[in-house]
Amino acid sequence: MKYAVEAKVFDNGRMVARVRPARDGEESGCTETRSCDVWVDVFDSEVEAIRFCNDYKRA
């Protein structure tokens, strides 16, 4: 199973990040919406994803 870190960076500077199971065939990338940018980074291990997510939260 792969894991994804999904980070939403809002226009006002607020950021929310979480670890979730990656969808089948999901790849790392960015999507822009009206209110935020959604960054997705995919990892092979849950530990690696949690570490990356914690780094987001410290930024």
PDB file of N, CA and C in Angstrom:
ATOM      1  N   MET A   1       0.836  -1.180   0.000  1.00  0.00           N
ATOM      2  CA  MET A   1       0.000   0.000   0.000  1.00  0.00           C
ATOM      3  C   MET A   1       0.881   1.243   0.000  1.00  0.00           C
ATOM      4  N   LYS A   2       0.455   2.242  -0.753  1.00  0.00           N
ATOM      5  CA  LYS A   2       1.164   3.520  -0.775  1.00  0.00           C
ATOM      6  C   LYS A   2       0.370   4.532   0.039  1.00  0.00           C
ATOM      7  N   TYR A   3       1.065   5.577   0.459  1.00  0.00           N
ATOM      8  CA  TYR A   3       0.455   6.626   1.271  1.00  0.00           C
ATOM      9  C   TYR A   3       0.688   7.978   0.621  1.00  0.00           C
ATOM     10  N   ALA A   4      -0.287   8.861   0.783  1.00  0.00           N
ATOM     11  CA  ALA A   4      -0.192  10.199   0.206  1.00  0.00           C
ATOM     12  C   ALA A   4      -0.236  11.235   1.322  1.00  0.00           C
ATOM     13  N   VAL A   5       0.582  12.260   1.174  1.00  0.00           N
ATOM     14  CA  VAL A   5       0.489  13.435   2.035  1.00  0.00           C
ATOM     15  C   VAL A   5      -0.225  14.487   1.199  1.00  0.00           C
ATOM     16  N   GLU A   6      -1.380  14.920   1.694  1.00  0.00           N
ATOM     17  CA  GLU A   6      -2.173  15.935   1.001  1.00  0.00           C
ATOM     18  C   GLU A   6      -2.073  17.223   1.801  1.00  0.00           C
ATOM     19  N   ALA A   7      -1.539  18.255   1.183  1.00  0.00           N
ATOM     20  CA  ALA A   7      -1.378  19.552   1.846  1.00  0.00           C
ATOM     21  C   ALA A   7      -2.175  20.597   1.083  1.00  0.00           C
ATOM     22  N   LYS A   8      -3.037  21.291   1.813  1.00  0.00           N
ATOM     23  CA  LYS A   8      -3.814  22.380   1.222  1.00  0.00           C
ATOM     24  C   LYS A   8      -3.220  23.687   1.722  1.00  0.00           C
ATOM     25  N   VAL A   9      -2.769  24.516   0.790  1.00  0.00           N
ATOM     26  CA  VAL A   9      -2.184  25.812   1.122  1.00  0.00           C
ATOM     27  C   VAL A   9      -3.176  26.875   0.646  1.00  0.00           C
ATOM     28  N   PHE A  10      -3.800  27.546   1.619  1.00  0.00           N
ATOM     29  CA  PHE A  10      -4.847  28.514   1.315  1.00  0.00           C
ATOM     30  C   PHE A  10      -4.259  29.873   0.967  1.00  0.00           C
ATOM     31  N   ASP A  11      -5.056  30.671   0.271  1.00  0.00           N
ATOM     32  CA  ASP A  11      -4.619  31.992  -0.180  1.00  0.00           C
ATOM     33  C   ASP A  11      -4.217  32.905   0.974  1.00  0.00           C
ATOM     34  N   ASN A  12      -4.797  32.695   2.157  1.00  0.00           N
ATOM     35  CA  ASN A  12      -4.471  33.532   3.319  1.00  0.00           C
ATOM     36  C   ASN A  12      -3.222  33.049   4.061  1.00  0.00           C
ATOM     37  N   GLY A  13      -2.552  32.003   3.536  1.00  0.00           N
ATOM     38  CA  GLY A  13      -1.333  31.497   4.147  1.00  0.00           C
ATOM     39  C   GLY A  13      -1.534  30.296   5.054  1.00  0.00           C
ATOM     40  N   ARG A  14      -2.763  29.989   5.399  1.00  0.00           N
ATOM     41  CA  ARG A  14      -3.053  28.832   6.255  1.00  0.00           C
ATOM     42  C   ARG A  14      -2.739  27.550   5.491  1.00  0.00           C
ATOM     43  N   MET A  15      -2.272  26.525   6.220  1.00  0.00           N
ATOM     44  CA  MET A  15      -1.912  25.269   5.591  1.00  0.00           C
ATOM     45  C   MET A  15      -2.433  24.114   6.438  1.00  0.00           C
ATOM     46  N   VAL A  16      -3.012  23.126   5.779  1.00  0.00           N
ATOM     47  CA  VAL A  16      -3.510  21.927   6.442  1.00  0.00           C
ATOM     48  C   VAL A  16      -2.918  20.728   5.712  1.00  0.00           C
ATOM     49  N   ALA A  17      -2.303  19.804   6.468  1.00  0.00           N
ATOM     50  CA  ALA A  17      -1.695  18.617   5.849  1.00  0.00           C
ATOM     51  C   ALA A  17      -2.171  17.364   6.567  1.00  0.00           C
ATOM     52  N   ARG A  18      -2.318  16.284   5.796  1.00  0.00           N
ATOM     53  CA  ARG A  18      -2.728  15.006   6.385  1.00  0.00           C
ATOM     54  C   ARG A  18      -2.147  13.857   5.583  1.00  0.00           C
ATOM     55  N   VAL A  19      -2.036  12.709   6.237  1.00  0.00           N
ATOM     56  CA  VAL A  19      -1.596  11.471   5.590  1.00  0.00           C
ATOM     57  C   VAL A  19      -2.849  10.641   5.331  1.00  0.00           C
ATOM     58  N   ARG A  20      -2.933  10.068   4.153  1.00  0.00           N
ATOM     59  CA  ARG A  20      -4.063   9.216   3.788  1.00  0.00           C
ATOM     60  C   ARG A  20      -3.571   8.115   2.852  1.00  0.00           C
ATOM     61  N   PRO A  21      -4.342   7.030   2.709  1.00  0.00           N
ATOM     62  CA  PRO A  21      -3.963   6.015   1.726  1.00  0.00           C
ATOM     63  C   PRO A  21      -4.005   6.620   0.324  1.00  0.00           C
ATOM     64  N   ALA A  22      -3.013   6.311  -0.486  1.00  0.00           N
ATOM     65  CA  ALA A  22      -2.979   6.814  -1.866  1.00  0.00           C
ATOM     66  C   ALA A  22      -4.008   6.058  -2.702  1.00  0.00           C
ATOM     67  N   ARG A  23      -4.600   6.762  -3.636  1.00  0.00           N
ATOM     68  CA  ARG A  23      -5.543   6.131  -4.561  1.00  0.00           C
ATOM     69  C   ARG A  23      -4.755   5.326  -5.595  1.00  0.00           C
ATOM     70  N   ASP A  24      -5.390   4.333  -6.183  1.00  0.00           N
ATOM     71  CA  ASP A  24      -4.736   3.523  -7.220  1.00  0.00           C
ATOM     72  C   ASP A  24      -4.246   4.413  -8.351  1.00  0.00           C
ATOM     73  N   GLY A  25      -2.972   4.313  -8.679  1.00  0.00           N
ATOM     74  CA  GLY A  25      -2.394   5.071  -9.778  1.00  0.00           C
ATOM     75  C   GLY A  25      -2.142   6.539  -9.483  1.00  0.00           C
ATOM     76  N   GLU A  26      -2.373   6.966  -8.251  1.00  0.00           N
ATOM     77  CA  GLU A  26      -2.172   8.381  -7.900  1.00  0.00           C
ATOM     78  C   GLU A  26      -0.692   8.734  -7.936  1.00  0.00           C
ATOM     79  N   GLU A  27      -0.392   9.912  -8.454  1.00  0.00           N
ATOM     80  CA  GLU A  27       0.985  10.391  -8.530  1.00  0.00           C
ATOM     81  C   GLU A  27       1.109  11.718  -7.803  1.00  0.00           C
ATOM     82  N   SER A  28       2.331  12.070  -7.459  1.00  0.00           N
ATOM     83  CA  SER A  28       2.592  13.355  -6.814  1.00  0.00           C
ATOM     84  C   SER A  28       2.289  14.482  -7.791  1.00  0.00           C
ATOM     85  N   GLY A  29       1.786  15.590  -7.240  1.00  0.00           N
ATOM     86  CA  GLY A  29       1.495  16.733  -8.096  1.00  0.00           C
ATOM     87  C   GLY A  29       0.753  17.820  -7.343  1.00  0.00           C
ATOM     88  N   CYS A  30       0.343  18.849  -8.082  1.00  0.00           N
ATOM     89  CA  CYS A  30      -0.339  19.999  -7.501  1.00  0.00           C
ATOM     90  C   CYS A  30      -1.570  20.346  -8.333  1.00  0.00           C
ATOM     91  N   THR A  31      -2.635  20.734  -7.629  1.00  0.00           N
ATOM     92  CA  THR A  31      -3.858  21.195  -8.270  1.00  0.00           C
ATOM     93  C   THR A  31      -4.233  22.533  -7.664  1.00  0.00           C
ATOM     94  N   GLU A  32      -4.601  23.484  -8.497  1.00  0.00           N
ATOM     95  CA  GLU A  32      -5.022  24.796  -8.005  1.00  0.00           C
ATOM     96  C   GLU A  32      -6.541  24.868  -7.970  1.00  0.00           C
ATOM     97  N   THR A  33      -7.081  25.416  -6.869  1.00  0.00           N
ATOM     98  CA  THR A  33      -8.515  25.669  -6.765  1.00  0.00           C
ATOM     99  C   THR A  33      -8.707  27.160  -6.507  1.00  0.00           C
ATOM    100  N   ARG A  34      -9.945  27.587  -6.376  1.00  0.00           N
ATOM    101  CA  ARG A  34     -10.209  29.011  -6.138  1.00  0.00           C
ATOM    102  C   ARG A  34      -9.624  29.486  -4.813  1.00  0.00           C
ATOM    103  N   SER A  35      -9.660  28.634  -3.801  1.00  0.00           N
ATOM    104  CA  SER A  35      -9.247  29.079  -2.467  1.00  0.00           C
ATOM    105  C   SER A  35      -7.906  28.532  -1.995  1.00  0.00           C
ATOM    106  N   CYS A  36      -7.378  27.497  -2.673  1.00  0.00           N
ATOM    107  CA  CYS A  36      -6.120  26.914  -2.200  1.00  0.00           C
ATOM    108  C   CYS A  36      -5.425  26.121  -3.302  1.00  0.00           C
ATOM    109  N   ASP A  37      -4.164  25.819  -3.043  1.00  0.00           N
ATOM    110  CA  ASP A  37      -3.401  24.882  -3.867  1.00  0.00           C
ATOM    111  C   ASP A  37      -3.362  23.567  -3.101  1.00  0.00           C
ATOM    112  N   VAL A  38      -3.594  22.462  -3.777  1.00  0.00           N
ATOM    113  CA  VAL A  38      -3.576  21.146  -3.140  1.00  0.00           C
ATOM    114  C   VAL A  38      -2.362  20.392  -3.662  1.00  0.00           C
ATOM    115  N   TRP A  39      -1.419  20.139  -2.766  1.00  0.00           N
ATOM    116  CA  TRP A  39      -0.204  19.397  -3.107  1.00  0.00           C
ATOM    117  C   TRP A  39      -0.358  17.967  -2.616  1.00  0.00           C
ATOM    118  N   VAL A  40      -0.028  17.007  -3.464  1.00  0.00           N
ATOM    119  CA  VAL A  40      -0.073  15.593  -3.089  1.00  0.00           C
ATOM    120  C   VAL A  40       1.298  14.993  -3.359  1.00  0.00           C
ATOM    121  N   ASP A  41       1.853  14.360  -2.336  1.00  0.00           N
ATOM    122  CA  ASP A  41       3.132  13.652  -2.456  1.00  0.00           C
ATOM    123  C   ASP A  41       2.883  12.205  -2.055  1.00  0.00           C
ATOM    124  N   VAL A  42       3.279  11.261  -2.904  1.00  0.00           N
ATOM    125  CA  VAL A  42       3.013   9.842  -2.686  1.00  0.00           C
ATOM    126  C   VAL A  42       4.284   9.138  -2.213  1.00  0.00           C
ATOM    127  N   PHE A  43       4.123   8.275  -1.199  1.00  0.00           N
ATOM    128  CA  PHE A  43       5.249   7.558  -0.595  1.00  0.00           C
ATOM    129  C   PHE A  43       4.946   6.069  -0.513  1.00  0.00           C
ATOM    130  N   ASP A  44       6.012   5.264  -0.510  1.00  0.00           N
ATOM    131  CA  ASP A  44       5.871   3.814  -0.416  1.00  0.00           C
ATOM    132  C   ASP A  44       5.604   3.341   1.003  1.00  0.00           C
ATOM    133  N   SER A  45       6.009   4.128   2.003  1.00  0.00           N
ATOM    134  CA  SER A  45       5.814   3.692   3.385  1.00  0.00           C
ATOM    135  C   SER A  45       5.075   4.755   4.190  1.00  0.00           C
ATOM    136  N   GLU A  46       4.308   4.292   5.158  1.00  0.00           N
ATOM    137  CA  GLU A  46       3.556   5.200   6.027  1.00  0.00           C
ATOM    138  C   GLU A  46       4.502   6.041   6.878  1.00  0.00           C
ATOM    139  N   VAL A  47       5.591   5.450   7.341  1.00  0.00           N
ATOM    140  CA  VAL A  47       6.560   6.171   8.172  1.00  0.00           C
ATOM    141  C   VAL A  47       7.142   7.354   7.404  1.00  0.00           C
ATOM    142  N   GLU A  48       7.514   7.116   6.161  1.00  0.00           N
ATOM    143  CA  GLU A  48       8.067   8.172   5.314  1.00  0.00           C
ATOM    144  C   GLU A  48       7.038   9.291   5.104  1.00  0.00           C
ATOM    145  N   ALA A  49       5.790   8.916   4.885  1.00  0.00           N
ATOM    146  CA  ALA A  49       4.724   9.901   4.678  1.00  0.00           C
ATOM    147  C   ALA A  49       4.490  10.727   5.939  1.00  0.00           C
ATOM    148  N   ILE A  50       4.500  10.092   7.092  1.00  0.00           N
ATOM    149  CA  ILE A  50       4.293  10.808   8.358  1.00  0.00           C
ATOM    150  C   ILE A  50       5.422  11.797   8.600  1.00  0.00           C
ATOM    151  N   ARG A  51       6.640  11.387   8.341  1.00  0.00           N
ATOM    152  CA  ARG A  51       7.785  12.307   8.501  1.00  0.00           C
ATOM    153  C   ARG A  51       7.634  13.526   7.597  1.00  0.00           C
ATOM    154  N   PHE A  52       7.258  13.293   6.348  1.00  0.00           N
ATOM    155  CA  PHE A  52       7.085  14.385   5.392  1.00  0.00           C
ATOM    156  C   PHE A  52       5.957  15.314   5.844  1.00  0.00           C
ATOM    157  N   CYS A  53       4.871  14.746   6.318  1.00  0.00           N
ATOM    158  CA  CYS A  53       3.734  15.536   6.796  1.00  0.00           C
ATOM    159  C   CYS A  53       4.144  16.384   8.000  1.00  0.00           C
ATOM    160  N   ASN A  54       4.906  15.813   8.906  1.00  0.00           N
ATOM    161  CA  ASN A  54       5.381  16.565  10.072  1.00  0.00           C
ATOM    162  C   ASN A  54       6.269  17.731   9.650  1.00  0.00           C
ATOM    163  N   ASP A  55       7.069  17.545   8.609  1.00  0.00           N
ATOM    164  CA  ASP A  55       7.896  18.638   8.091  1.00  0.00           C
ATOM    165  C   ASP A  55       7.020  19.762   7.543  1.00  0.00           C
ATOM    166  N   TYR A  56       5.935  19.415   6.866  1.00  0.00           N
ATOM    167  CA  TYR A  56       4.986  20.426   6.383  1.00  0.00           C
ATOM    168  C   TYR A  56       4.454  21.245   7.552  1.00  0.00           C
ATOM    169  N   LYS A  57       4.087  20.559   8.612  1.00  0.00           N
ATOM    170  CA  LYS A  57       3.471  21.232   9.763  1.00  0.00           C
ATOM    171  C   LYS A  57       4.448  22.146  10.493  1.00  0.00           C
ATOM    172  N   ARG A  58       5.744  21.876  10.361  1.00  0.00           N
ATOM    173  CA  ARG A  58       6.758  22.728  11.005  1.00  0.00           C
ATOM    174  C   ARG A  58       7.104  23.954  10.166  1.00  0.00           C
ATOM    175  N   ALA A  59       6.735  23.937   8.902  1.00  0.00           N
ATOM    176  CA  ALA A  59       7.092  25.051   7.998  1.00  0.00           C
ATOM    177  C   ALA A  59       6.316  26.316   8.314  1.00  0.00           C
TER     178      ALA A  59
END
